[in-house]
Amino acid sequence: YPSPTDIREAHYPDAVFLIVSFEDREHPYAKGYLIHKTDWRDPTGE
């Protein structure tokens, strides 16, 4: 899931942000997200 840093640094509004998680090293998984921001300099987003 996108961290606050991931959201702050998101500068491609139309790209899917794919996060590959290794919280369970034996069973990695990936999830995709769009990060919507009103302005790319905005540190927050939906």
All heavy atoms as atom14 arrays in JSON, in Angstrom:
{
  "sequence": "YPSPTDIREAHYPDAVFLIVSFEDREHPYAKGYLIHKTDWRDPTGE",
  "atom14_mask": [
    [1, 1, 1, 1, 1, 1, 1, 1, 1, 1, 1, 1, 0, 0],
    [1, 1, 1, 1, 1, 1, 1, 0, 0, 0, 0, 0, 0, 0],
    [1, 1, 1, 1, 1, 1, 0, 0, 0, 0, 0, 0, 0, 0],
    [1, 1, 1, 1, 1, 1, 1, 0, 0, 0, 0, 0, 0, 0],
    [1, 1, 1, 1, 1, 1, 1, 0, 0, 0, 0, 0, 0, 0],
    [1, 1, 1, 1, 1, 1, 1, 1, 0, 0, 0, 0, 0, 0],
    [1, 1, 1, 1, 1, 1, 1, 1, 0, 0, 0, 0, 0, 0],
    [1, 1, 1, 1, 1, 1, 1, 1, 1, 1, 1, 0, 0, 0],
    [1, 1, 1, 1, 1, 1, 1, 1, 1, 0, 0, 0, 0, 0],
    [1, 1, 1, 1, 1, 0, 0, 0, 0, 0, 0, 0, 0, 0],
    [1, 1, 1, 1, 1, 1, 1, 1, 1, 1, 0, 0, 0, 0],
    [1, 1, 1, 1, 1, 1, 1, 1, 1, 1, 1, 1, 0, 0],
    [1, 1, 1, 1, 1, 1, 1, 0, 0, 0, 0, 0, 0, 0],
    [1, 1, 1, 1, 1, 1, 1, 1, 0, 0, 0, 0, 0, 0],
    [1, 1, 1, 1, 1, 0, 0, 0, 0, 0, 0, 0, 0, 0],
    [1, 1, 1, 1, 1, 1, 1, 0, 0, 0, 0, 0, 0, 0],
    [1, 1, 1, 1, 1, 1, 1, 1, 1, 1, 1, 0, 0, 0],
    [1, 1, 1, 1, 1, 1, 1, 1, 0, 0, 0, 0, 0, 0],
    [1, 1, 1, 1, 1, 1, 1, 1, 0, 0, 0, 0, 0, 0],
    [1, 1, 1, 1, 1, 1, 1, 0, 0, 0, 0, 0, 0, 0],
    [1, 1, 1, 1, 1, 1, 0, 0, 0, 0, 0, 0, 0, 0],
    [1, 1, 1, 1, 1, 1, 1, 1, 1, 1, 1, 0, 0, 0],
    [1, 1, 1, 1, 1, 1, 1, 1, 1, 0, 0, 0, 0, 0],
    [1, 1, 1, 1, 1, 1, 1, 1, 0, 0, 0, 0, 0, 0],
    [1, 1, 1, 1, 1, 1, 1, 1, 1, 1, 1, 0, 0, 0],
    [1, 1, 1, 1, 1, 1, 1, 1, 1, 0, 0, 0, 0, 0],
    [1, 1, 1, 1, 1, 1, 1, 1, 1, 1, 0, 0, 0, 0],
    [1, 1, 1, 1, 1, 1, 1, 0, 0, 0, 0, 0, 0, 0],
    [1, 1, 1, 1, 1, 1, 1, 1, 1, 1, 1, 1, 0, 0],
    [1, 1, 1, 1, 1, 0, 0, 0, 0, 0, 0, 0, 0, 0],
    [1, 1, 1, 1, 1, 1, 1, 1, 1, 0, 0, 0, 0, 0],
    [1, 1, 1, 1, 0, 0, 0, 0, 0, 0, 0, 0, 0, 0],
    [1, 1, 1, 1, 1, 1, 1, 1, 1, 1, 1, 1, 0, 0],
    [1, 1, 1, 1, 1, 1, 1, 1, 0, 0, 0, 0, 0, 0],
    [1, 1, 1, 1, 1, 1, 1, 1, 0, 0, 0, 0, 0, 0],
    [1, 1, 1, 1, 1, 1, 1, 1, 1, 1, 0, 0, 0, 0],
    [1, 1, 1, 1, 1, 1, 1, 1, 1, 0, 0, 0, 0, 0],
    [1, 1, 1, 1, 1, 1, 1, 0, 0, 0, 0, 0, 0, 0],
    [1, 1, 1, 1, 1, 1, 1, 1, 0, 0, 0, 0, 0, 0],
    [1, 1, 1, 1, 1, 1, 1, 1, 1, 1, 1, 1, 1, 1],
    [1, 1, 1, 1, 1, 1, 1, 1, 1, 1, 1, 0, 0, 0],
    [1, 1, 1, 1, 1, 1, 1, 1, 0, 0, 0, 0, 0, 0],
    [1, 1, 1, 1, 1, 1, 1, 0, 0, 0, 0, 0, 0, 0],
    [1, 1, 1, 1, 1, 1, 1, 0, 0, 0, 0, 0, 0, 0],
    [1, 1, 1, 1, 0, 0, 0, 0, 0, 0, 0, 0, 0, 0],
    [1, 1, 1, 1, 1, 1, 1, 1, 1, 0, 0, 0, 0, 0]
  ],
  "atom14_positions": [
    [[0.87, -1.17, 0.0], [0.0, 0.0, 0.0], [0.91, 1.23, 0.0], [1.94, 1.23, 0.68], [-0.92, 0.01, 1.23], [-1.98, 1.08, 1.15], [-3.16, 0.86, 0.43], [-1.79, 2.31, 1.75], [-4.13, 1.85, 0.33], [-2.75, 3.31, 1.66], [-3.92, 3.07, 0.94], [-4.88, 4.05, 0.83], [0.0, 0.0, 0.0], [0.0, 0.0, 0.0]],
    [[0.55, 2.28, -0.75], [1.43, 3.45, -0.82], [1.69, 4.09, 0.55], [0.76, 4.37, 1.31], [0.66, 4.42, -1.72], [-0.25, 3.56, -2.52], [-0.63, 2.43, -1.61], [0.0, 0.0, 0.0], [0.0, 0.0, 0.0], [0.0, 0.0, 0.0], [0.0, 0.0, 0.0], [0.0, 0.0, 0.0], [0.0, 0.0, 0.0], [0.0, 0.0, 0.0]],
    [[2.96, 4.29, 0.84], [3.37, 4.96, 2.06], [3.17, 6.47, 1.88], [2.99, 6.95, 0.76], [4.84, 4.67, 2.35], [5.65, 5.34, 1.38], [0.0, 0.0, 0.0], [0.0, 0.0, 0.0], [0.0, 0.0, 0.0], [0.0, 0.0, 0.0], [0.0, 0.0, 0.0], [0.0, 0.0, 0.0], [0.0, 0.0, 0.0], [0.0, 0.0, 0.0]],
    [[3.24, 7.24, 2.97], [3.17, 8.7, 2.82], [4.26, 9.23, 1.87], [4.01, 10.15, 1.09], [3.37, 9.22, 4.24], [2.81, 8.11, 5.1], [3.21, 6.85, 4.39], [0.0, 0.0, 0.0], [0.0, 0.0, 0.0], [0.0, 0.0, 0.0], [0.0, 0.0, 0.0], [0.0, 0.0, 0.0], [0.0, 0.0, 0.0], [0.0, 0.0, 0.0]],
    [[5.44, 8.62, 1.89], [6.51, 9.03, 0.97], [6.12, 8.71, -0.47], [6.32, 9.53, -1.38], [7.83, 8.32, 1.33], [8.18, 8.67, 2.67], [8.95, 8.72, 0.39], [0.0, 0.0, 0.0], [0.0, 0.0, 0.0], [0.0, 0.0, 0.0], [0.0, 0.0, 0.0], [0.0, 0.0, 0.0], [0.0, 0.0, 0.0], [0.0, 0.0, 0.0]],
    [[5.54, 7.53, -0.7], [5.1, 7.16, -2.05], [4.09, 8.18, -2.57], [4.16, 8.58, -3.74], [4.45, 5.77, -2.06], [5.42, 4.66, -1.72], [6.64, 4.82, -1.91], [4.94, 3.6, -1.27], [0.0, 0.0, 0.0], [0.0, 0.0, 0.0], [0.0, 0.0, 0.0], [0.0, 0.0, 0.0], [0.0, 0.0, 0.0], [0.0, 0.0, 0.0]],
    [[3.17, 8.58, -1.73], [2.13, 9.54, -2.14], [2.76, 10.91, -2.41], [2.49, 11.54, -3.43], [1.02, 9.62, -1.08], [0.29, 8.27, -1.01], [0.05, 10.75, -1.39], [-0.63, 8.11, 0.19], [0.0, 0.0, 0.0], [0.0, 0.0, 0.0], [0.0, 0.0, 0.0], [0.0, 0.0, 0.0], [0.0, 0.0, 0.0], [0.0, 0.0, 0.0]],
    [[3.64, 11.35, -1.51], [4.29, 12.65, -1.67], [5.09, 12.7, -2.97], [5.1, 13.71, -3.68], [5.19, 12.94, -0.47], [5.85, 14.31, -0.55], [6.74, 14.61, 0.66], [7.89, 13.72, 0.68], [8.15, 12.82, 1.63], [7.34, 12.68, 2.66], [9.22, 12.06, 1.56], [0.0, 0.0, 0.0], [0.0, 0.0, 0.0], [0.0, 0.0, 0.0]],
    [[5.77, 11.61, -3.32], [6.65, 11.58, -4.49], [5.95, 11.19, -5.79], [6.6, 11.09, -6.83], [7.82, 10.64, -4.23], [8.7, 11.07, -3.06], [9.38, 12.41, -3.28], [9.8, 12.68, -4.43], [9.49, 13.19, -2.32], [0.0, 0.0, 0.0], [0.0, 0.0, 0.0], [0.0, 0.0, 0.0], [0.0, 0.0, 0.0], [0.0, 0.0, 0.0]],
    [[4.65, 10.95, -5.75], [3.91, 10.53, -6.94], [3.71, 11.72, -7.88], [3.03, 12.68, -7.54], [2.56, 9.94, -6.54], [0.0, 0.0, 0.0], [0.0, 0.0, 0.0], [0.0, 0.0, 0.0], [0.0, 0.0, 0.0], [0.0, 0.0, 0.0], [0.0, 0.0, 0.0], [0.0, 0.0, 0.0], [0.0, 0.0, 0.0], [0.0, 0.0, 0.0]],
    [[4.33, 11.62, -9.08], [4.26, 12.72, -10.04], [3.69, 12.31, -11.39], [3.76, 13.07, -12.35], [5.64, 13.33, -10.24], [6.28, 13.83, -8.99], [5.65, 14.68, -8.11], [7.5, 13.58, -8.45], [6.46, 14.95, -7.09], [7.57, 14.29, -7.27], [0.0, 0.0, 0.0], [0.0, 0.0, 0.0], [0.0, 0.0, 0.0], [0.0, 0.0, 0.0]],
    [[3.16, 11.1, -11.49], [2.58, 10.61, -12.75], [1.11, 10.25, -12.51], [0.81, 9.12, -12.14], [3.35, 9.38, -13.27], [4.69, 9.71, -13.85], [5.79, 9.94, -13.03], [4.87, 9.78, -15.23], [7.03, 10.24, -13.57], [6.11, 10.08, -15.77], [7.19, 10.31, -14.93], [8.41, 10.6, -15.48], [0.0, 0.0, 0.0], [0.0, 0.0, 0.0]],
    [[0.2, 11.19, -12.72], [-1.2, 10.95, -12.36], [-1.89, 9.84, -13.15], [-2.85, 9.26, -12.67], [-1.88, 12.29, -12.62], [-0.99, 13.0, -13.58], [0.41, 12.51, -13.3], [0.0, 0.0, 0.0], [0.0, 0.0, 0.0], [0.0, 0.0, 0.0], [0.0, 0.0, 0.0], [0.0, 0.0, 0.0], [0.0, 0.0, 0.0], [0.0, 0.0, 0.0]],
    [[-1.39, 9.52, -14.34], [-2.04, 8.5, -15.16], [-1.34, 7.15, -15.11], [-1.76, 6.2, -15.77], [-2.15, 8.97, -16.61], [-3.06, 10.17, -16.76], [-4.01, 10.3, -15.95], [-2.83, 10.99, -17.65], [0.0, 0.0, 0.0], [0.0, 0.0, 0.0], [0.0, 0.0, 0.0], [0.0, 0.0, 0.0], [0.0, 0.0, 0.0], [0.0, 0.0, 0.0]],
    [[-0.26, 7.06, -14.34], [0.47, 5.8, -14.22], [-0.05, 5.03, -13.0], [-0.38, 5.61, -11.97], [1.96, 6.05, -14.06], [0.0, 0.0, 0.0], [0.0, 0.0, 0.0], [0.0, 0.0, 0.0], [0.0, 0.0, 0.0], [0.0, 0.0, 0.0], [0.0, 0.0, 0.0], [0.0, 0.0, 0.0], [0.0, 0.0, 0.0], [0.0, 0.0, 0.0]],
    [[-0.08, 3.71, -13.16], [-0.42, 2.85, -12.02], [0.86, 2.67, -11.2], [1.92, 2.39, -11.75], [-0.95, 1.48, -12.5], [-1.13, 0.54, -11.32], [-2.26, 1.66, -13.25], [0.0, 0.0, 0.0], [0.0, 0.0, 0.0], [0.0, 0.0, 0.0], [0.0, 0.0, 0.0], [0.0, 0.0, 0.0], [0.0, 0.0, 0.0], [0.0, 0.0, 0.0]],
    [[0.74, 2.86, -9.91], [1.85, 2.61, -9.0], [1.69, 1.19, -8.48], [0.75, 0.9, -7.73], [1.86, 3.64, -7.86], [2.26, 5.01, -8.33], [1.31, 5.86, -8.9], [3.57, 5.43, -8.26], [1.68, 7.12, -9.37], [3.95, 6.68, -8.74], [3.0, 7.52, -9.29], [0.0, 0.0, 0.0], [0.0, 0.0, 0.0], [0.0, 0.0, 0.0]],
    [[2.58, 0.31, -8.93], [2.54, -1.09, -8.55], [3.53, -1.31, -7.41], [4.7, -0.95, -7.53], [2.93, -1.97, -9.74], [2.83, -3.47, -9.51], [1.37, -3.92, -9.55], [3.64, -4.22, -10.57], [0.0, 0.0, 0.0], [0.0, 0.0, 0.0], [0.0, 0.0, 0.0], [0.0, 0.0, 0.0], [0.0, 0.0, 0.0], [0.0, 0.0, 0.0]],
    [[3.02, -1.87, -6.32], [3.87, -2.14, -5.16], [3.95, -3.65, -4.96], [2.92, -4.31, -4.81], [3.34, -1.45, -3.9], [3.29, 0.07, -4.11], [4.21, -1.81, -2.69], [2.62, 0.84, -3.01], [0.0, 0.0, 0.0], [0.0, 0.0, 0.0], [0.0, 0.0, 0.0], [0.0, 0.0, 0.0], [0.0, 0.0, 0.0], [0.0, 0.0, 0.0]],
    [[5.19, -4.16, -5.01], [5.43, -5.58, -4.76], [5.82, -5.71, -3.3], [6.84, -5.18, -2.87], [6.55, -6.13, -5.68], [6.76, -7.62, -5.43], [6.22, -5.87, -7.14], [0.0, 0.0, 0.0], [0.0, 0.0, 0.0], [0.0, 0.0, 0.0], [0.0, 0.0, 0.0], [0.0, 0.0, 0.0], [0.0, 0.0, 0.0], [0.0, 0.0, 0.0]],
    [[4.98, -6.4, -2.54], [5.2, -6.53, -1.1], [5.87, -7.84, -0.75], [5.47, -8.91, -1.22], [3.86, -6.44, -0.35], [4.06, -6.77, 1.02], [0.0, 0.0, 0.0], [0.0, 0.0, 0.0], [0.0, 0.0, 0.0], [0.0, 0.0, 0.0], [0.0, 0.0, 0.0], [0.0, 0.0, 0.0], [0.0, 0.0, 0.0], [0.0, 0.0, 0.0]],
    [[6.87, -7.73, 0.12], [7.56, -8.9, 0.65], [7.36, -9.0, 2.16], [8.22, -9.51, 2.88], [9.06, -8.83, 0.32], [9.34, -9.0, -1.14], [9.45, -7.89, -1.97], [9.45, -10.26, -1.7], [9.69, -8.04, -3.33], [9.69, -10.42, -3.07], [9.8, -9.3, -3.88], [0.0, 0.0, 0.0], [0.0, 0.0, 0.0], [0.0, 0.0, 0.0]],
    [[6.2, -8.5, 2.65], [5.94, -8.62, 4.09], [5.93, -10.1, 4.47], [6.33, -10.45, 5.58], [4.67, -7.89, 4.51], [3.37, -8.5, 4.05], [2.14, -7.73, 4.51], [2.15, -7.15, 5.61], [1.17, -7.68, 3.75], [0.0, 0.0, 0.0], [0.0, 0.0, 0.0], [0.0, 0.0, 0.0], [0.0, 0.0, 0.0], [0.0, 0.0, 0.0]],
    [[5.48, -10.97, 3.58], [5.62, -12.42, 3.73], [6.56, -12.84, 2.6], [6.15, -12.99, 1.46], [4.27, -13.12, 3.6], [4.37, -14.63, 3.67], [5.5, -15.17, 3.65], [3.31, -15.28, 3.74], [0.0, 0.0, 0.0], [0.0, 0.0, 0.0], [0.0, 0.0, 0.0], [0.0, 0.0, 0.0], [0.0, 0.0, 0.0], [0.0, 0.0, 0.0]],
    [[7.83, -13.02, 2.93], [8.88, -13.26, 1.94], [8.59, -14.47, 1.05], [8.97, -14.49, -0.11], [10.19, -13.46, 2.7], [11.43, -13.14, 1.94], [11.8, -11.67, 2.12], [13.08, -11.42, 1.49], [14.18, -11.16, 2.15], [14.17, -11.12, 3.45], [15.28, -10.92, 1.51], [0.0, 0.0, 0.0], [0.0, 0.0, 0.0], [0.0, 0.0, 0.0]],
    [[7.91, -15.47, 1.6], [7.61, -16.68, 0.84], [6.45, -16.49, -0.15], [6.28, -17.28, -1.07], [7.26, -17.83, 1.8], [8.39, -18.18, 2.76], [9.67, -18.59, 2.03], [9.59, -19.41, 1.11], [10.74, -18.04, 2.38], [0.0, 0.0, 0.0], [0.0, 0.0, 0.0], [0.0, 0.0, 0.0], [0.0, 0.0, 0.0], [0.0, 0.0, 0.0]],
    [[5.64, -15.46, 0.08], [4.46, -15.22, -0.75], [4.35, -13.74, -1.13], [3.45, -13.04, -0.67], [3.18, -15.67, -0.02], [3.21, -17.11, 0.37], [3.62, -17.53, 1.62], [2.91, -18.22, -0.32], [3.55, -18.85, 1.68], [3.14, -19.29, 0.51], [0.0, 0.0, 0.0], [0.0, 0.0, 0.0], [0.0, 0.0, 0.0], [0.0, 0.0, 0.0]],
    [[5.27, -13.26, -1.97], [5.17, -11.85, -2.39], [3.89, -11.64, -3.21], [3.38, -12.57, -3.83], [6.42, -11.64, -3.25], [6.85, -13.0, -3.68], [6.38, -13.95, -2.62], [0.0, 0.0, 0.0], [0.0, 0.0, 0.0], [0.0, 0.0, 0.0], [0.0, 0.0, 0.0], [0.0, 0.0, 0.0], [0.0, 0.0, 0.0], [0.0, 0.0, 0.0]],
    [[3.38, -10.44, -3.14], [2.2, -10.09, -3.93], [2.33, -8.65, -4.41], [3.13, -7.88, -3.87], [0.91, -10.28, -3.11], [0.79, -9.33, -1.95], [0.17, -8.08, -2.08], [1.29, -9.66, -0.69], [0.07, -7.21, -1.03], [1.18, -8.79, 0.38], [0.58, -7.57, 0.21], [0.48, -6.69, 1.27], [0.0, 0.0, 0.0], [0.0, 0.0, 0.0]],
    [[1.56, -8.31, -5.42], [1.59, -6.95, -5.96], [0.19, -6.37, -5.98], [-0.78, -7.07, -6.26], [2.18, -6.96, -7.36], [0.0, 0.0, 0.0], [0.0, 0.0, 0.0], [0.0, 0.0, 0.0], [0.0, 0.0, 0.0], [0.0, 0.0, 0.0], [0.0, 0.0, 0.0], [0.0, 0.0, 0.0], [0.0, 0.0, 0.0], [0.0, 0.0, 0.0]],
    [[0.12, -5.08, -5.71], [-1.14, -4.34, -5.8], [-0.87, -3.05, -6.57], [0.22, -2.49, -6.48], [-1.7, -4.03, -4.42], [-2.2, -5.26, -3.7], [-3.08, -4.87, -2.52], [-3.78, -6.09, -2.01], [-5.08, -5.8, -1.5], [0.0, 0.0, 0.0], [0.0, 0.0, 0.0], [0.0, 0.0, 0.0], [0.0, 0.0, 0.0], [0.0, 0.0, 0.0]],
    [[-1.88, -2.6, -7.3], [-1.74, -1.4, -8.1], [-2.65, -0.28, -7.62], [-3.76, -0.54, -7.15], [0.0, 0.0, 0.0], [0.0, 0.0, 0.0], [0.0, 0.0, 0.0], [0.0, 0.0, 0.0], [0.0, 0.0, 0.0], [0.0, 0.0, 0.0], [0.0, 0.0, 0.0], [0.0, 0.0, 0.0], [0.0, 0.0, 0.0], [0.0, 0.0, 0.0]],
    [[-2.16, 0.94, -7.75], [-2.91, 2.11, -7.28], [-2.73, 3.29, -8.23], [-1.67, 3.46, -8.83], [-2.4, 2.54, -5.9], [-2.48, 1.46, -4.87], [-1.4, 0.61, -4.66], [-3.64, 1.25, -4.14], [-1.47, -0.41, -3.72], [-3.72, 0.23, -3.2], [-2.63, -0.59, -3.0], [-2.7, -1.61, -2.08], [0.0, 0.0, 0.0], [0.0, 0.0, 0.0]],
    [[-3.76, 4.09, -8.31], [-3.65, 5.42, -8.88], [-3.55, 6.37, -7.71], [-4.22, 6.16, -6.67], [-4.87, 5.77, -9.73], [-5.04, 4.96, -11.02], [-6.39, 5.26, -11.66], [-3.9, 5.25, -11.99], [0.0, 0.0, 0.0], [0.0, 0.0, 0.0], [0.0, 0.0, 0.0], [0.0, 0.0, 0.0], [0.0, 0.0, 0.0], [0.0, 0.0, 0.0]],
    [[-2.76, 7.4, -7.84], [-2.64, 8.4, -6.78], [-3.09, 9.72, -7.38], [-2.46, 10.27, -8.28], [-1.21, 8.47, -6.22], [-0.84, 7.1, -5.63], [-1.09, 9.58, -5.18], [0.57, 6.97, -5.13], [0.0, 0.0, 0.0], [0.0, 0.0, 0.0], [0.0, 0.0, 0.0], [0.0, 0.0, 0.0], [0.0, 0.0, 0.0], [0.0, 0.0, 0.0]],
    [[-4.24, 10.19, -6.89], [-4.86, 11.42, -7.41], [-4.43, 12.59, -6.54], [-4.58, 12.55, -5.31], [-6.39, 11.3, -7.38], [-6.91, 10.09, -8.11], [-6.9, 10.01, -9.49], [-7.43, 8.93, -7.66], [-7.41, 8.84, -9.85], [-7.74, 8.17, -8.76], [0.0, 0.0, 0.0], [0.0, 0.0, 0.0], [0.0, 0.0, 0.0], [0.0, 0.0, 0.0]],
    [[-3.92, 13.63, -7.2], [-3.49, 14.84, -6.5], [-3.99, 16.05, -7.28], [-4.08, 16.0, -8.5], [-1.96, 14.88, -6.43], [-1.36, 13.69, -5.69], [0.13, 13.58, -5.89], [0.85, 14.36, -4.86], [2.29, 14.06, -4.8], [0.0, 0.0, 0.0], [0.0, 0.0, 0.0], [0.0, 0.0, 0.0], [0.0, 0.0, 0.0], [0.0, 0.0, 0.0]],
    [[-4.29, 17.12, -6.57], [-4.72, 18.34, -7.25], [-3.52, 19.05, -7.88], [-3.67, 19.77, -8.86], [-5.44, 19.29, -6.28], [-4.61, 19.51, -5.14], [-6.76, 18.7, -5.83], [0.0, 0.0, 0.0], [0.0, 0.0, 0.0], [0.0, 0.0, 0.0], [0.0, 0.0, 0.0], [0.0, 0.0, 0.0], [0.0, 0.0, 0.0], [0.0, 0.0, 0.0]],
    [[-2.35, 18.85, -7.32], [-1.13, 19.47, -7.82], [0.02, 18.5, -7.52], [0.07, 17.93, -6.43], [-0.92, 20.8, -7.07], [0.27, 21.59, -7.56], [1.4, 21.04, -7.55], [0.1, 22.76, -7.93], [0.0, 0.0, 0.0], [0.0, 0.0, 0.0], [0.0, 0.0, 0.0], [0.0, 0.0, 0.0], [0.0, 0.0, 0.0], [0.0, 0.0, 0.0]],
    [[0.95, 18.32, -8.46], [2.03, 17.35, -8.24], [2.9, 17.71, -7.05], [3.55, 16.85, -6.47], [2.88, 17.17, -9.5], [3.67, 18.37, -9.9], [3.3, 19.38, -10.74], [4.99, 18.69, -9.46], [4.29, 20.3, -10.86], [5.35, 19.91, -10.07], [5.9, 18.1, -8.61], [6.59, 20.52, -9.86], [7.14, 18.71, -8.4], [7.46, 19.91, -9.03]],
    [[2.89, 18.98, -6.61], [3.68, 19.38, -5.44], [2.97, 19.07, -4.13], [3.55, 19.19, -3.07], [4.0, 20.87, -5.52], [4.92, 21.21, -6.68], [4.97, 22.69, -6.9], [3.63, 23.13, -7.32], [3.38, 24.18, -8.05], [4.35, 24.94, -8.46], [2.15, 24.49, -8.4], [0.0, 0.0, 0.0], [0.0, 0.0, 0.0], [0.0, 0.0, 0.0]],
    [[1.7, 18.68, -4.23], [0.9, 18.36, -3.05], [1.46, 17.1, -2.39], [1.61, 16.08, -3.04], [-0.56, 18.13, -3.49], [-1.51, 17.97, -2.32], [-1.05, 17.87, -1.17], [-2.72, 17.94, -2.57], [0.0, 0.0, 0.0], [0.0, 0.0, 0.0], [0.0, 0.0, 0.0], [0.0, 0.0, 0.0], [0.0, 0.0, 0.0], [0.0, 0.0, 0.0]],
    [[1.77, 17.16, -1.08], [2.33, 15.98, -0.41], [1.27, 14.92, -0.07], [1.61, 13.83, 0.37], [2.95, 16.55, 0.86], [2.13, 17.77, 1.16], [1.74, 18.33, -0.2], [0.0, 0.0, 0.0], [0.0, 0.0, 0.0], [0.0, 0.0, 0.0], [0.0, 0.0, 0.0], [0.0, 0.0, 0.0], [0.0, 0.0, 0.0], [0.0, 0.0, 0.0]],
    [[0.01, 15.26, -0.28], [-1.06, 14.3, 0.01], [-1.82, 13.98, -1.26], [-1.67, 14.65, -2.28], [-2.05, 14.87, 1.05], [-2.67, 16.04, 0.5], [-1.35, 15.24, 2.36], [0.0, 0.0, 0.0], [0.0, 0.0, 0.0], [0.0, 0.0, 0.0], [0.0, 0.0, 0.0], [0.0, 0.0, 0.0], [0.0, 0.0, 0.0], [0.0, 0.0, 0.0]],
    [[-2.62, 12.97, -1.2], [-3.41, 12.59, -2.36], [-4.38, 11.49, -2.01], [-4.3, 10.89, -0.94], [0.0, 0.0, 0.0], [0.0, 0.0, 0.0], [0.0, 0.0, 0.0], [0.0, 0.0, 0.0], [0.0, 0.0, 0.0], [0.0, 0.0, 0.0], [0.0, 0.0, 0.0], [0.0, 0.0, 0.0], [0.0, 0.0, 0.0], [0.0, 0.0, 0.0]],
    [[-5.28, 11.24, -2.93], [-6.27, 10.17, -2.75], [-5.75, 8.92, -3.45], [-5.31, 8.97, -4.6], [-7.6, 10.6, -3.36], [-8.7, 9.58, -3.21], [-9.95, 10.02, -3.95], [-10.25, 11.22, -4.0], [-10.63, 9.12, -4.49], [0.0, 0.0, 0.0], [0.0, 0.0, 0.0], [0.0, 0.0, 0.0], [0.0, 0.0, 0.0], [0.0, 0.0, 0.0]]
  ]
}
